[in-house]
C-alpha atoms as a PDB file:
ATOM      1  CA  MET A   1     -19.064 -22.599 -49.506  1.00  0.00           C
ATOM      2  CA  SER A   2     -18.145 -22.024 -46.107  1.00  0.00           C
ATOM      3  CA  GLN A   3     -14.910 -20.368 -45.033  1.00  0.00           C
ATOM      4  CA  ALA A   4     -12.580 -22.273 -43.233  1.00  0.00           C
ATOM      5  CA  GLY A   5     -12.005 -21.162 -39.641  1.00  0.00           C
ATOM      6  CA  PRO A   6      -9.033 -21.387 -37.596  1.00  0.00           C
ATOM      7  CA  GLN A   7      -7.264 -24.361 -36.938  1.00  0.00           C
ATOM      8  CA  PRO A   8      -7.213 -26.001 -33.584  1.00  0.00           C
ATOM      9  CA  GLU A   9      -3.518 -25.548 -33.219  1.00  0.00           C
ATOM     10  CA  GLU A  10      -3.811 -21.691 -34.184  1.00  0.00           C
ATOM     11  CA  GLN A  11      -6.645 -21.345 -31.469  1.00  0.00           C
ATOM     12  CA  GLN A  12      -4.275 -23.344 -28.895  1.00  0.00           C
ATOM     13  CA  ALA A  13      -1.237 -21.153 -29.726  1.00  0.00           C
ATOM     14  CA  SER A  14      -3.627 -18.069 -29.599  1.00  0.00           C
ATOM     15  CA  GLY A  15      -5.184 -19.103 -26.419  1.00  0.00           C
ATOM     16  CA  ARG A  16      -1.476 -19.454 -24.892  1.00  0.00           C
ATOM     17  CA  GLU A  17      -0.400 -16.009 -25.977  1.00  0.00           C
ATOM     18  CA  ASP A  18      -3.556 -14.524 -24.613  1.00  0.00           C
ATOM     19  CA  LEU A  19      -2.766 -16.319 -21.114  1.00  0.00           C
ATOM     20  CA  ARG A  20       0.903 -15.468 -21.245  1.00  0.00           C
ATOM     21  CA  ASN A  21      -0.073 -11.843 -21.750  1.00  0.00           C
ATOM     22  CA  ARG A  22      -2.436 -12.143 -18.847  1.00  0.00           C
ATOM     23  CA  ILE A  23       0.146 -13.670 -16.587  1.00  0.00           C
ATOM     24  CA  GLU A  24       2.707 -10.794 -17.480  1.00  0.00           C
ATOM     25  CA  LYS A  25       0.147  -7.980 -16.731  1.00  0.00           C
ATOM     26  CA  ARG A  26      -0.488  -9.515 -13.349  1.00  0.00           C
ATOM     27  CA  ILE A  27       3.037  -9.497 -12.532  1.00  0.00           C
ATOM     28  CA  ARG A  28       3.419  -5.809 -13.686  1.00  0.00           C
ATOM     29  CA  ARG A  29       0.375  -5.033 -11.639  1.00  0.00           C
ATOM     30  CA  LEU A  30       1.703  -6.917  -8.569  1.00  0.00           C
ATOM     31  CA  GLU A  31       5.224  -5.189  -9.034  1.00  0.00           C
ATOM     32  CA  ARG A  32       3.269  -1.743  -9.079  1.00  0.00           C
ATOM     33  CA  ALA A  33       1.228  -2.660  -5.991  1.00  0.00           C
ATOM     34  CA  SER A  34       4.365  -3.303  -4.061  1.00  0.00           C
ATOM     35  CA  GLY A  35       5.810  -0.015  -5.249  1.00  0.00           C
ATOM     36  CA  ASN A  36       2.736   1.944  -3.762  1.00  0.00           C
ATOM     37  CA  GLY A  37       3.645   0.912  -0.233  1.00  0.00           C
ATOM     38  CA  LEU A  38       6.925   2.672  -0.719  1.00  0.00           C
ATOM     39  CA  TRP A  39       4.894   5.708  -2.138  1.00  0.00           C
ATOM     40  CA  SER A  40       2.647   5.870   0.982  1.00  0.00           C
ATOM     41  CA  MET A  41       5.782   5.573   3.475  1.00  0.00           C
ATOM     42  CA  ALA A  42       7.615   8.462   1.437  1.00  0.00           C
ATOM     43  CA  LEU A  43       4.308  10.581   1.909  1.00  0.00           C
ATOM     44  CA  PHE A  44       4.351   9.778   5.374  1.00  0.00           C
ATOM     45  CA  LEU A  45       8.003  10.866   5.747  1.00  0.00           C
ATOM     46  CA  LEU A  46       7.434  13.829   4.221  1.00  0.00           C
ATOM     47  CA  VAL A  47       4.689  14.958   6.420  1.00  0.00           C
ATOM     48  CA  SER A  48       6.772  13.854   9.228  1.00  0.00           C
ATOM     49  CA  LEU A  49       9.646  16.090   8.170  1.00  0.00           C
ATOM     50  CA  ALA A  50       7.285  19.077   8.125  1.00  0.00           C
ATOM     51  CA  ALA A  51       5.881  18.220  11.419  1.00  0.00           C
ATOM     52  CA  PHE A  52       9.086  17.826  13.031  1.00  0.00           C
ATOM     53  CA  ASP A  53       9.371  21.532  12.365  1.00  0.00           C
ATOM     54  CA  ASN A  54       5.762  22.135  13.532  1.00  0.00           C
ATOM     55  CA  PHE A  55       4.625  22.967   9.951  1.00  0.00           C
ATOM     56  CA  SER A  56       6.758  26.404  10.006  1.00  0.00           C
ATOM     57  CA  PHE A  57       6.365  26.741   6.542  1.00  0.00           C
ATOM     58  CA  LEU A  58       2.504  26.941   6.613  1.00  0.00           C
ATOM     59  CA  PRO A  59       1.092  30.330   7.662  1.00  0.00           C
ATOM     60  CA  ASP A  60      -0.633  30.648  11.218  1.00  0.00           C
ATOM     61  CA  LEU A  61      -4.437  30.244  11.118  1.00  0.00           C
ATOM     62  CA  SER A  62      -6.153  33.540  11.517  1.00  0.00           C
ATOM     63  CA  GLU A  63      -8.282  34.167  14.532  1.00  0.00           C
ATOM     64  CA  ASN A  64     -11.644  33.792  12.476  1.00  0.00           C
ATOM     65  CA  THR A  65     -10.326  30.310  11.064  1.00  0.00           C
ATOM     66  CA  ARG A  66      -9.551  29.045  14.546  1.00  0.00           C
ATOM     67  CA  ARG A  67     -12.956  30.290  15.744  1.00  0.00           C
ATOM     68  CA  ILE A  68     -14.791  28.693  12.627  1.00  0.00           C
ATOM     69  CA  LEU A  69     -12.667  25.112  13.620  1.00  0.00           C
ATOM     70  CA  GLY A  70     -13.830  25.579  17.307  1.00  0.00           C
ATOM     71  CA  ALA A  71     -11.854  24.395  20.277  1.00  0.00           C
ATOM     72  CA  PRO A  72      -9.145  21.645  19.389  1.00  0.00           C
ATOM     73  CA  PRO A  73      -9.728  18.196  20.793  1.00  0.00           C
ATOM     74  CA  PRO A  74      -8.153  17.518  24.207  1.00  0.00           C
ATOM     75  CA  ILE A  75      -4.638  16.214  23.962  1.00  0.00           C
ATOM     76  CA  GLY A  76      -5.451  13.262  26.090  1.00  0.00           C
ATOM     77  CA  MET A  77      -8.331  12.303  23.635  1.00  0.00           C
ATOM     78  CA  ILE A  78      -5.997  12.761  20.674  1.00  0.00           C
ATOM     79  CA  SER A  79      -3.361  10.480  22.389  1.00  0.00           C
ATOM     80  CA  LEU A  80      -6.019   7.779  23.156  1.00  0.00           C
ATOM     81  CA  ALA A  81      -7.227   7.947  19.610  1.00  0.00           C
ATOM     82  CA  LEU A  82      -3.547   7.294  18.313  1.00  0.00           C
ATOM     83  CA  VAL A  83      -2.878   4.499  20.584  1.00  0.00           C
ATOM     84  CA  VAL A  84      -6.311   2.787  19.539  1.00  0.00           C
ATOM     85  CA  TYR A  85      -5.597   3.480  15.824  1.00  0.00           C
ATOM     86  CA  ALA A  86      -1.953   2.306  16.100  1.00  0.00           C
ATOM     87  CA  PHE A  87      -3.024  -0.891  18.112  1.00  0.00           C
ATOM     88  CA  SER A  88      -5.960  -1.772  15.577  1.00  0.00           C
ATOM     89  CA  GLY A  89      -3.655  -0.997  12.386  1.00  0.00           C
ATOM     90  CA  ILE A  90      -0.996  -3.550  13.694  1.00  0.00           C
ATOM     91  CA  VAL A  91      -3.696  -6.032  14.859  1.00  0.00           C
ATOM     92  CA  ARG A  92      -5.525  -5.911  11.538  1.00  0.00           C
ATOM     93  CA  THR A  93      -2.370  -6.201   9.577  1.00  0.00           C
ATOM     94  CA  LEU A  94      -1.271  -9.221  11.792  1.00  0.00           C
ATOM     95  CA  ALA A  95      -4.825 -10.816  11.081  1.00  0.00           C
ATOM     96  CA  ARG A  96      -4.352 -10.216   7.464  1.00  0.00           C
ATOM     97  CA  MET A  97      -0.906 -11.825   7.389  1.00  0.00           C
ATOM     98  CA  SER A  98      -2.244 -15.000   9.479  1.00  0.00           C
ATOM     99  CA  GLN A  99      -5.158 -15.627   7.114  1.00  0.00           C
ATOM    100  CA  ASN A 100      -3.099 -14.457   3.829  1.00  0.00           C
ATOM    101  CA  ILE A 101      -5.431 -12.006   2.865  1.00  0.00           C
ATOM    102  CA  LYS A 102      -4.561  -9.331   0.222  1.00  0.00           C
ATOM    103  CA  PRO A 103      -2.589  -6.474   1.784  1.00  0.00           C
ATOM    104  CA  TYR A 104      -3.983  -2.986   2.279  1.00  0.00           C
ATOM    105  CA  LEU A 105      -2.216  -0.503   0.049  1.00  0.00           C
ATOM    106  CA  GLY A 106      -1.412   1.987   2.835  1.00  0.00           C
ATOM    107  CA  LEU A 107      -2.123   5.295   1.583  1.00  0.00           C
ATOM    108  CA  MET A 108      -5.028   5.586   4.037  1.00  0.00           C
ATOM    109  CA  HIS A 109      -2.612   5.250   6.998  1.00  0.00           C
ATOM    110  CA  ALA A 110      -0.606   8.016   5.771  1.00  0.00           C
ATOM    111  CA  ALA A 111      -3.615  10.227   5.645  1.00  0.00           C
ATOM    112  CA  PHE A 112      -4.511   9.235   9.269  1.00  0.00           C
ATOM    113  CA  PHE A 113      -1.071   9.862  10.837  1.00  0.00           C
ATOM    114  CA  THR A 114      -1.097  13.211   9.018  1.00  0.00           C
ATOM    115  CA  ALA A 115      -4.523  13.897  10.747  1.00  0.00           C
ATOM    116  CA  PHE A 116      -2.733  13.010  14.245  1.00  0.00           C
ATOM    117  CA  TYR A 117       0.026  15.475  13.450  1.00  0.00           C
ATOM    118  CA  THR A 118      -2.511  18.075  12.521  1.00  0.00           C
ATOM    119  CA  PHE A 119      -4.720  17.711  15.651  1.00  0.00           C
ATOM    120  CA  TYR A 120      -1.548  17.808  17.694  1.00  0.00           C
ATOM    121  CA  HIS A 121      -0.513  20.980  16.006  1.00  0.00           C
ATOM    122  CA  LEU A 122      -3.763  22.682  16.333  1.00  0.00           C
ATOM    123  CA  SER A 123      -3.889  21.710  20.030  1.00  0.00           C
ATOM    124  CA  GLY A 124      -0.338  23.436  20.449  1.00  0.00           C
ATOM    125  CA  ALA A 125       1.160  20.059  21.560  1.00  0.00           C
ATOM    126  CA  LEU A 126       3.007  18.652  18.359  1.00  0.00           C
ATOM    127  CA  PRO A 127       6.655  19.320  19.664  1.00  0.00           C
ATOM    128  CA  GLY A 128       5.660  17.099  22.520  1.00  0.00           C
ATOM    129  CA  ASN A 129       3.899  14.418  20.787  1.00  0.00           C
ATOM    130  CA  PHE A 130       5.962  14.338  17.555  1.00  0.00           C
ATOM    131  CA  TRP A 131       7.742  11.100  18.418  1.00  0.00           C
ATOM    132  CA  ALA A 132       4.637   9.219  19.427  1.00  0.00           C
ATOM    133  CA  VAL A 133       3.023  10.116  16.210  1.00  0.00           C
ATOM    134  CA  PHE A 134       6.104   9.067  14.231  1.00  0.00           C
ATOM    135  CA  PHE A 135       6.669   5.723  15.826  1.00  0.00           C
ATOM    136  CA  ALA A 136       3.388   4.674  15.890  1.00  0.00           C
ATOM    137  CA  GLY A 137       3.304   5.495  11.844  1.00  0.00           C
ATOM    138  CA  ILE A 138       6.611   3.774  11.222  1.00  0.00           C
ATOM    139  CA  SER A 139       5.456   0.883  13.199  1.00  0.00           C
ATOM    140  CA  VAL A 140       1.967   0.351  11.272  1.00  0.00           C
ATOM    141  CA  MET A 141       3.120   1.414   7.994  1.00  0.00           C
ATOM    142  CA  GLY A 142       6.278  -0.497   8.370  1.00  0.00           C
ATOM    143  CA  LEU A 143       4.490  -3.923   9.194  1.00  0.00           C
ATOM    144  CA  GLU A 144       1.919  -2.941   6.346  1.00  0.00           C
ATOM    145  CA  ASN A 145       4.494  -2.203   3.754  1.00  0.00           C
ATOM    146  CA  TYR A 146       6.539  -5.380   4.734  1.00  0.00           C
ATOM    147  CA  TYR A 147       3.361  -7.620   4.441  1.00  0.00           C
ATOM    148  CA  LEU A 148       2.471  -6.055   1.025  1.00  0.00           C
ATOM    149  CA  TRP A 149       6.042  -6.689  -0.093  1.00  0.00           C
ATOM    150  CA  ALA A 150       6.393 -10.230   0.955  1.00  0.00           C
ATOM    151  CA  HIS A 151       2.596 -10.874  -0.400  1.00  0.00           C
ATOM    152  CA  SER A 152       3.228  -9.430  -3.733  1.00  0.00           C
ATOM    153  CA  GLY A 153       6.839 -10.800  -4.025  1.00  0.00           C
ATOM    154  CA  GLU A 154       4.876 -14.567  -3.379  1.00  0.00           C
ATOM    155  CA  ALA A 155       2.326 -13.781  -5.986  1.00  0.00           C
ATOM    156  CA  VAL A 156       5.009 -12.802  -8.588  1.00  0.00           C
ATOM    157  CA  ARG A 157       6.942 -15.734  -7.810  1.00  0.00           C
ATOM    158  CA  LYS A 158       4.018 -18.127  -8.473  1.00  0.00           C
ATOM    159  CA  GLU A 159       3.226 -16.215 -11.542  1.00  0.00           C
ATOM    160  CA  ARG A 160       6.617 -16.355 -13.047  1.00  0.00           C
ATOM    161  CA  ALA A 161       6.558 -20.188 -12.215  1.00  0.00           C
ATOM    162  CA  LEU A 162       3.616 -20.405 -14.187  1.00  0.00           C
ATOM    163  CA  LEU A 163       5.161 -18.417 -17.046  1.00  0.00           C
ATOM    164  CA  LYS A 164       8.272 -20.708 -16.961  1.00  0.00           C
ATOM    165  CA  SER A 165       6.201 -23.970 -17.321  1.00  0.00           C
ATOM    166  CA  MET A 166       4.212 -22.693 -20.022  1.00  0.00           C
ATOM    167  CA  GLN A 167       7.519 -22.041 -21.645  1.00  0.00           C
ATOM    168  CA  ARG A 168       8.762 -25.501 -20.958  1.00  0.00           C
ATOM    169  CA  GLY A 169       5.392 -26.713 -22.652  1.00  0.00           C
ATOM    170  CA  ASP A 170       5.910 -24.687 -25.732  1.00  0.00           C
ATOM    171  CA  GLU A 171       9.448 -26.128 -26.052  1.00  0.00           C
ATOM    172  CA  GLY A 172       8.065 -29.527 -25.657  1.00  0.00           C
ATOM    173  CA  GLU A 173       5.576 -29.089 -28.303  1.00  0.00           C
ATOM    174  CA  ASP A 174       8.064 -27.854 -30.843  1.00  0.00           C
ATOM    175  CA  ARG A 175      10.196 -31.041 -30.474  1.00  0.00           C
ATOM    176  CA  PRO A 176       9.779 -34.098 -32.867  1.00  0.00           C
ATOM    177  CA  SER A 177       8.346 -37.302 -31.088  1.00  0.00           C
END
């Protein structure tokens, strides 16, 4: 004697529920991803606040530590690297936007701009170059976060529309013919 397996209607209902759960999970993931951009921007702003005060809350590096690190890079090289990084960051983001490629999440940009603040600080030129790093960071990260927000928002709208069409389909099945 064989046991009766699940009926086709039960399998279909189970499959629909599984699909609905996966869609809801994707929506939550997309909403979290959109928030991650804000976290990276907040981190950048916190580092910028510390840099504006020339990292005064940190102790000065000892002479031995400075000797181990070696001479800081020339200010002109730091500035050139900053311009190249900011320009390439903007171009890469615009290229991804034009091709509708999934956006980058942004923490890497915060780390790189923190490195620029650090290099200028170690060179003793941070007060004169703070605004250059700040506006470059705001430009690159602002564009990146805008695209992340727009891309995630569009994907969430599509997922919700799919969920809504599934609900309409479920309601249509419950009605008598």
